[in-house]
Amino acid sequence: MKIQQHLLEISSLWVLILLLNFALGDDELITEEEHLRLINQFRRDFAKKFNVANMHELKFDKNLRDIAENAVITYIDWNSDRYKTWRYTIFSSYWNQKNFNTLFDSLLMQSEKEILETIIQREDSTDLAKQDHEFIIPGQKAIGCAVKDGRISPTTHGEQRAVMLCLFGPEGYLATFYEARGPPGSKCDEGYHNKDGLCGL
């Protein structure tokens, strides 16, 4: 019975995603697995370009997903564990390969100095706008996402578009981004091994 209920919940979520994408004129739908694959491939590309030695592969995490589903994103401190055991990013397009590629390409074109300046600026800000640098924190190993109603993302016409809220863990701070560089995959945490530049299980 629990398995059937779980499958129904998953089906309902993807029906919602399909309907929202259709409403927004999105014709490049991708699955949840492809979404994760794109993020991990970007993390691998980033690690190779900037010699990040400990960029870990992300895996889906149910607990993070549950937190994201229950979060009220208009409130800056919606969970006491925020910036302790997880971090977050919010973006207005989801499951869309073109927009993900555009985002990731723009990050890869920046210099490490520019990225570092952006990270410092974002850390000192209380703005709830999307925080692209969350995709490149090496010590993060888990991700959980949920579709939200988009009350913080008004369009130019005053409409409300759905947004995707993604949580990353277990790192609450940015310490691993500042660690020494080296060959990608050469400084993995215990239990992880080099998977073509990413630290995987």
C-alpha atoms as a PDB file:
ATOM      1  CA  MET A   1       0.000   0.000   0.000  1.00  0.00           C
ATOM      2  CA  LYS A   2       2.832   2.396   0.933  1.00  0.00           C
ATOM      3  CA  ILE A   3       4.598   1.621  -2.352  1.00  0.00           C
ATOM      4  CA  GLN A   4       1.427   2.410  -4.334  1.00  0.00           C
ATOM      5  CA  GLN A   5       0.971   5.663  -2.401  1.00  0.00           C
ATOM      6  CA  HIS A   6       4.602   6.631  -3.060  1.00  0.00           C
ATOM      7  CA  LEU A   7       4.247   5.905  -6.770  1.00  0.00           C
ATOM      8  CA  LEU A   8       1.063   7.991  -6.865  1.00  0.00           C
ATOM      9  CA  GLU A   9       2.868  10.918  -5.208  1.00  0.00           C
ATOM     10  CA  ILE A  10       5.715  10.701  -7.743  1.00  0.00           C
ATOM     11  CA  SER A  11       3.255  10.498 -10.649  1.00  0.00           C
ATOM     12  CA  SER A  12       1.340  13.518  -9.338  1.00  0.00           C
ATOM     13  CA  LEU A  13       4.546  15.551  -9.078  1.00  0.00           C
ATOM     14  CA  TRP A  14       5.590  14.783 -12.643  1.00  0.00           C
ATOM     15  CA  VAL A  15       2.092  15.543 -13.960  1.00  0.00           C
ATOM     16  CA  LEU A  16       2.398  18.939 -12.257  1.00  0.00           C
ATOM     17  CA  ILE A  17       5.829  19.487 -13.789  1.00  0.00           C
ATOM     18  CA  LEU A  18       4.618  18.534 -17.255  1.00  0.00           C
ATOM     19  CA  LEU A  19       1.620  20.849 -17.005  1.00  0.00           C
ATOM     20  CA  LEU A  20       3.709  23.759 -15.765  1.00  0.00           C
ATOM     21  CA  ASN A  21       6.286  23.276 -18.484  1.00  0.00           C
ATOM     22  CA  PHE A  22       3.556  23.120 -21.106  1.00  0.00           C
ATOM     23  CA  ALA A  23       1.994  26.304 -19.725  1.00  0.00           C
ATOM     24  CA  LEU A  24       5.341  28.078 -19.934  1.00  0.00           C
ATOM     25  CA  GLY A  25       5.913  26.925 -23.495  1.00  0.00           C
ATOM     26  CA  ASP A  26       8.778  24.654 -22.494  1.00  0.00           C
ATOM     27  CA  ASP A  27       9.446  21.951 -25.082  1.00  0.00           C
ATOM     28  CA  GLU A  28      12.718  20.590 -23.715  1.00  0.00           C
ATOM     29  CA  LEU A  29      11.453  18.529 -20.791  1.00  0.00           C
ATOM     30  CA  ILE A  30      13.950  16.303 -19.039  1.00  0.00           C
ATOM     31  CA  THR A  31      13.516  13.704 -16.338  1.00  0.00           C
ATOM     32  CA  GLU A  32      14.601  14.041 -12.746  1.00  0.00           C
ATOM     33  CA  GLU A  33      17.476  11.647 -13.430  1.00  0.00           C
ATOM     34  CA  GLU A  34      18.634  13.705 -16.409  1.00  0.00           C
ATOM     35  CA  HIS A  35      18.443  16.823 -14.260  1.00  0.00           C
ATOM     36  CA  LEU A  36      20.837  15.210 -11.764  1.00  0.00           C
ATOM     37  CA  ARG A  37      23.093  13.938 -14.549  1.00  0.00           C
ATOM     38  CA  LEU A  38      23.432  17.458 -15.989  1.00  0.00           C
ATOM     39  CA  ILE A  39      24.343  18.896 -12.589  1.00  0.00           C
ATOM     40  CA  ASN A  40      26.965  16.215 -11.939  1.00  0.00           C
ATOM     41  CA  GLN A  41      28.437  16.588 -15.415  1.00  0.00           C
ATOM     42  CA  PHE A  42      28.734  20.312 -14.808  1.00  0.00           C
ATOM     43  CA  ARG A  43      30.429  19.668 -11.446  1.00  0.00           C
ATOM     44  CA  ARG A  44      32.878  17.352 -13.240  1.00  0.00           C
ATOM     45  CA  ASP A  45      33.578  19.954 -15.955  1.00  0.00           C
ATOM     46  CA  PHE A  46      34.053  22.643 -13.331  1.00  0.00           C
ATOM     47  CA  ALA A  47      36.430  20.442 -11.320  1.00  0.00           C
ATOM     48  CA  LYS A  48      38.521  19.736 -14.388  1.00  0.00           C
ATOM     49  CA  LYS A  49      38.708  23.376 -15.467  1.00  0.00           C
ATOM     50  CA  PHE A  50      39.648  24.736 -12.035  1.00  0.00           C
ATOM     51  CA  ASN A  51      41.529  21.693 -10.676  1.00  0.00           C
ATOM     52  CA  VAL A  52      39.105  21.063  -7.832  1.00  0.00           C
ATOM     53  CA  ALA A  53      40.430  17.960  -6.098  1.00  0.00           C
ATOM     54  CA  ASN A  54      37.380  17.059  -3.999  1.00  0.00           C
ATOM     55  CA  MET A  55      34.269  17.752  -6.083  1.00  0.00           C
ATOM     56  CA  HIS A  56      31.772  15.106  -4.956  1.00  0.00           C
ATOM     57  CA  GLU A  57      29.023  13.526  -7.007  1.00  0.00           C
ATOM     58  CA  LEU A  58      25.505  14.497  -5.903  1.00  0.00           C
ATOM     59  CA  LYS A  59      22.872  11.902  -5.051  1.00  0.00           C
ATOM     60  CA  PHE A  60      19.166  12.438  -4.434  1.00  0.00           C
ATOM     61  CA  ASP A  61      18.275  12.728  -0.750  1.00  0.00           C
ATOM     62  CA  LYS A  62      14.701  12.180   0.466  1.00  0.00           C
ATOM     63  CA  ASN A  63      15.164  14.181   3.683  1.00  0.00           C
ATOM     64  CA  LEU A  64      16.350  17.248   1.767  1.00  0.00           C
ATOM     65  CA  ARG A  65      13.479  16.847  -0.656  1.00  0.00           C
ATOM     66  CA  ASP A  66      10.983  16.704   2.230  1.00  0.00           C
ATOM     67  CA  ILE A  67      12.449  19.879   3.736  1.00  0.00           C
ATOM     68  CA  ALA A  68      12.209  21.604   0.348  1.00  0.00           C
ATOM     69  CA  GLU A  69       8.597  20.507  -0.092  1.00  0.00           C
ATOM     70  CA  ASN A  70       7.617  21.904   3.330  1.00  0.00           C
ATOM     71  CA  ALA A  71       9.680  25.096   3.153  1.00  0.00           C
ATOM     72  CA  VAL A  72       8.133  28.544   2.907  1.00  0.00           C
ATOM     73  CA  ILE A  73      10.643  30.269   0.654  1.00  0.00           C
ATOM     74  CA  THR A  74       9.466  33.807   1.334  1.00  0.00           C
ATOM     75  CA  TYR A  75      10.824  33.510   4.871  1.00  0.00           C
ATOM     76  CA  ILE A  76      14.595  33.762   5.145  1.00  0.00           C
ATOM     77  CA  ASP A  77      14.919  31.472   8.192  1.00  0.00           C
ATOM     78  CA  TRP A  78      12.446  28.762   7.335  1.00  0.00           C
ATOM     79  CA  ASN A  79      14.594  26.090   8.966  1.00  0.00           C
ATOM     80  CA  SER A  80      17.101  26.203  11.792  1.00  0.00           C
ATOM     81  CA  ASP A  81      19.419  23.833   9.897  1.00  0.00           C
ATOM     82  CA  ARG A  82      19.799  26.265   6.997  1.00  0.00           C
ATOM     83  CA  TYR A  83      23.503  27.060   6.563  1.00  0.00           C
ATOM     84  CA  LYS A  84      24.307  24.378   9.148  1.00  0.00           C
ATOM     85  CA  THR A  85      23.700  21.056   7.421  1.00  0.00           C
ATOM     86  CA  TRP A  86      22.336  22.240   4.088  1.00  0.00           C
ATOM     87  CA  ARG A  87      22.251  25.164   1.675  1.00  0.00           C
ATOM     88  CA  TYR A  88      19.811  26.068  -1.097  1.00  0.00           C
ATOM     89  CA  THR A  89      19.268  27.653  -4.480  1.00  0.00           C
ATOM     90  CA  ILE A  90      16.104  28.815  -6.223  1.00  0.00           C
ATOM     91  CA  PHE A  91      15.605  29.146  -9.952  1.00  0.00           C
ATOM     92  CA  SER A  92      12.622  29.888 -12.136  1.00  0.00           C
ATOM     93  CA  SER A  93      13.224  27.255 -14.818  1.00  0.00           C
ATOM     94  CA  TYR A  94      13.404  23.565 -14.042  1.00  0.00           C
ATOM     95  CA  TRP A  95      13.814  20.288 -15.857  1.00  0.00           C
ATOM     96  CA  ASN A  96      14.840  22.384 -18.864  1.00  0.00           C
ATOM     97  CA  GLN A  97      18.088  21.350 -20.554  1.00  0.00           C
ATOM     98  CA  LYS A  98      18.571  24.606 -22.459  1.00  0.00           C
ATOM     99  CA  ASN A  99      18.357  26.762 -19.340  1.00  0.00           C
ATOM    100  CA  PHE A 100      20.614  24.462 -17.338  1.00  0.00           C
ATOM    101  CA  ASN A 101      23.216  24.503 -20.112  1.00  0.00           C
ATOM    102  CA  THR A 102      23.040  28.303 -20.336  1.00  0.00           C
ATOM    103  CA  LEU A 103      23.527  28.609 -16.569  1.00  0.00           C
ATOM    104  CA  PHE A 104      26.404  26.160 -16.428  1.00  0.00           C
ATOM    105  CA  ASP A 105      28.138  27.574 -19.512  1.00  0.00           C
ATOM    106  CA  SER A 106      28.024  31.057 -17.976  1.00  0.00           C
ATOM    107  CA  LEU A 107      29.695  29.772 -14.807  1.00  0.00           C
ATOM    108  CA  LEU A 108      32.392  27.931 -16.748  1.00  0.00           C
ATOM    109  CA  MET A 109      33.213  31.095 -18.707  1.00  0.00           C
ATOM    110  CA  GLN A 110      33.982  33.044 -15.534  1.00  0.00           C
ATOM    111  CA  SER A 111      37.431  33.227 -14.012  1.00  0.00           C
ATOM    112  CA  GLU A 112      38.043  31.700 -10.598  1.00  0.00           C
ATOM    113  CA  LYS A 113      38.533  35.220  -9.242  1.00  0.00           C
ATOM    114  CA  GLU A 114      35.120  36.305 -10.553  1.00  0.00           C
ATOM    115  CA  ILE A 115      33.468  33.234  -9.050  1.00  0.00           C
ATOM    116  CA  LEU A 116      35.170  33.811  -5.699  1.00  0.00           C
ATOM    117  CA  GLU A 117      34.020  37.439  -5.644  1.00  0.00           C
ATOM    118  CA  THR A 118      30.451  36.328  -6.405  1.00  0.00           C
ATOM    119  CA  ILE A 119      30.526  33.759  -3.614  1.00  0.00           C
ATOM    120  CA  ILE A 120      31.757  36.312  -1.075  1.00  0.00           C
ATOM    121  CA  GLN A 121      29.123  38.802  -2.212  1.00  0.00           C
ATOM    122  CA  ARG A 122      26.329  36.224  -2.023  1.00  0.00           C
ATOM    123  CA  GLU A 123      27.395  35.052   1.439  1.00  0.00           C
ATOM    124  CA  ASP A 124      27.096  38.586   2.782  1.00  0.00           C
ATOM    125  CA  SER A 125      23.648  39.058   1.242  1.00  0.00           C
ATOM    126  CA  THR A 126      20.218  38.117   2.614  1.00  0.00           C
ATOM    127  CA  ASP A 127      18.706  38.220  -0.880  1.00  0.00           C
ATOM    128  CA  LEU A 128      16.569  35.181  -1.708  1.00  0.00           C
ATOM    129  CA  ALA A 129      17.456  35.405  -5.402  1.00  0.00           C
ATOM    130  CA  LYS A 130      18.980  32.377  -7.071  1.00  0.00           C
ATOM    131  CA  GLN A 131      22.460  31.509  -5.939  1.00  0.00           C
ATOM    132  CA  ASP A 132      24.232  29.778  -8.807  1.00  0.00           C
ATOM    133  CA  HIS A 133      27.420  29.096  -6.873  1.00  0.00           C
ATOM    134  CA  GLU A 134      25.610  26.460  -4.793  1.00  0.00           C
ATOM    135  CA  PHE A 135      26.140  24.059  -7.709  1.00  0.00           C
ATOM    136  CA  ILE A 136      29.938  24.209  -7.295  1.00  0.00           C
ATOM    137  CA  ILE A 137      30.524  23.601  -3.575  1.00  0.00           C
ATOM    138  CA  PRO A 138      32.808  20.527  -3.646  1.00  0.00           C
ATOM    139  CA  GLY A 139      31.808  19.030  -0.299  1.00  0.00           C
ATOM    140  CA  GLN A 140      28.118  18.733  -1.108  1.00  0.00           C
ATOM    141  CA  LYS A 141      27.039  15.138  -1.702  1.00  0.00           C
ATOM    142  CA  ALA A 142      23.242  15.244  -1.630  1.00  0.00           C
ATOM    143  CA  ILE A 143      20.455  17.198  -3.317  1.00  0.00           C
ATOM    144  CA  GLY A 144      16.704  17.406  -2.845  1.00  0.00           C
ATOM    145  CA  CYS A 145      14.355  19.574  -4.941  1.00  0.00           C
ATOM    146  CA  ALA A 146      10.695  20.596  -4.909  1.00  0.00           C
ATOM    147  CA  VAL A 147       8.402  22.687  -7.105  1.00  0.00           C
ATOM    148  CA  LYS A 148       7.192  25.800  -5.260  1.00  0.00           C
ATOM    149  CA  ASP A 149       4.491  28.330  -6.096  1.00  0.00           C
ATOM    150  CA  GLY A 150       6.938  31.055  -7.067  1.00  0.00           C
ATOM    151  CA  ARG A 151       5.759  33.912  -4.891  1.00  0.00           C
ATOM    152  CA  ILE A 152       9.288  35.350  -4.907  1.00  0.00           C
ATOM    153  CA  SER A 153       9.611  35.128  -8.676  1.00  0.00           C
ATOM    154  CA  PRO A 154       7.243  37.634 -10.327  1.00  0.00           C
ATOM    155  CA  THR A 155       7.568  37.995 -14.087  1.00  0.00           C
ATOM    156  CA  THR A 156       7.769  41.327 -15.879  1.00  0.00           C
ATOM    157  CA  HIS A 157       3.999  41.112 -16.367  1.00  0.00           C
ATOM    158  CA  GLY A 158       3.303  40.685 -12.683  1.00  0.00           C
ATOM    159  CA  GLU A 159       2.484  36.979 -13.020  1.00  0.00           C
ATOM    160  CA  GLN A 160       3.603  34.292 -10.611  1.00  0.00           C
ATOM    161  CA  ARG A 161       5.689  31.490 -12.065  1.00  0.00           C
ATOM    162  CA  ALA A 162       6.558  28.266 -10.322  1.00  0.00           C
ATOM    163  CA  VAL A 163      10.138  27.926  -9.128  1.00  0.00           C
ATOM    164  CA  MET A 164      12.358  25.008  -8.225  1.00  0.00           C
ATOM    165  CA  LEU A 165      13.858  25.007  -4.738  1.00  0.00           C
ATOM    166  CA  CYS A 166      16.908  22.740  -4.396  1.00  0.00           C
ATOM    167  CA  LEU A 167      18.713  21.946  -1.150  1.00  0.00           C
ATOM    168  CA  PHE A 168      22.306  20.729  -0.991  1.00  0.00           C
ATOM    169  CA  GLY A 169      23.988  18.931   1.917  1.00  0.00           C
ATOM    170  CA  PRO A 170      25.707  18.100   4.170  1.00  0.00           C
ATOM    171  CA  GLU A 171      27.855  21.247   4.070  1.00  0.00           C
ATOM    172  CA  GLY A 172      26.280  24.307   5.634  1.00  0.00           C
ATOM    173  CA  TYR A 173      29.149  26.642   4.886  1.00  0.00           C
ATOM    174  CA  LEU A 174      31.518  27.103   1.948  1.00  0.00           C
ATOM    175  CA  ALA A 175      34.707  25.739   3.492  1.00  0.00           C
ATOM    176  CA  THR A 176      35.420  23.134   0.825  1.00  0.00           C
ATOM    177  CA  PHE A 177      35.407  25.734  -1.949  1.00  0.00           C
ATOM    178  CA  TYR A 178      38.489  27.378  -0.437  1.00  0.00           C
ATOM    179  CA  GLU A 179      40.492  24.166  -0.001  1.00  0.00           C
ATOM    180  CA  ALA A 180      43.723  23.547  -1.909  1.00  0.00           C
ATOM    181  CA  ARG A 181      43.422  22.631  -5.557  1.00  0.00           C
ATOM    182  CA  GLY A 182      44.817  19.514  -7.200  1.00  0.00           C
ATOM    183  CA  PRO A 183      44.045  16.831  -9.781  1.00  0.00           C
ATOM    184  CA  PRO A 184      40.247  16.340  -9.941  1.00  0.00           C
ATOM    185  CA  GLY A 185      39.169  13.395  -7.814  1.00  0.00           C
ATOM    186  CA  SER A 186      42.475  13.188  -5.940  1.00  0.00           C
ATOM    187  CA  LYS A 187      41.218  14.305  -2.504  1.00  0.00           C
ATOM    188  CA  CYS A 188      37.963  12.463  -2.008  1.00  0.00           C
ATOM    189  CA  ASP A 189      36.368  11.949   1.394  1.00  0.00           C
ATOM    190  CA  GLU A 190      36.708   8.529   2.999  1.00  0.00           C
ATOM    191  CA  GLY A 191      34.608   5.925   1.194  1.00  0.00           C
ATOM    192  CA  TYR A 192      34.603   7.887  -2.100  1.00  0.00           C
ATOM    193  CA  HIS A 193      36.783   7.258  -5.129  1.00  0.00           C
ATOM    194  CA  ASN A 194      37.700   9.081  -8.323  1.00  0.00           C
ATOM    195  CA  LYS A 195      35.057   8.747 -11.058  1.00  0.00           C
ATOM    196  CA  ASP A 196      36.576  10.689 -13.947  1.00  0.00           C
ATOM    197  CA  GLY A 197      37.142  13.819 -11.869  1.00  0.00           C
ATOM    198  CA  LEU A 198      34.243  13.447  -9.449  1.00  0.00           C
ATOM    199  CA  CYS A 199      34.381  11.781  -6.054  1.00  0.00           C
ATOM    200  CA  GLY A 200      31.751   9.056  -6.192  1.00  0.00           C
ATOM    201  CA  LEU A 201      30.648   6.042  -4.189  1.00  0.00           C
END
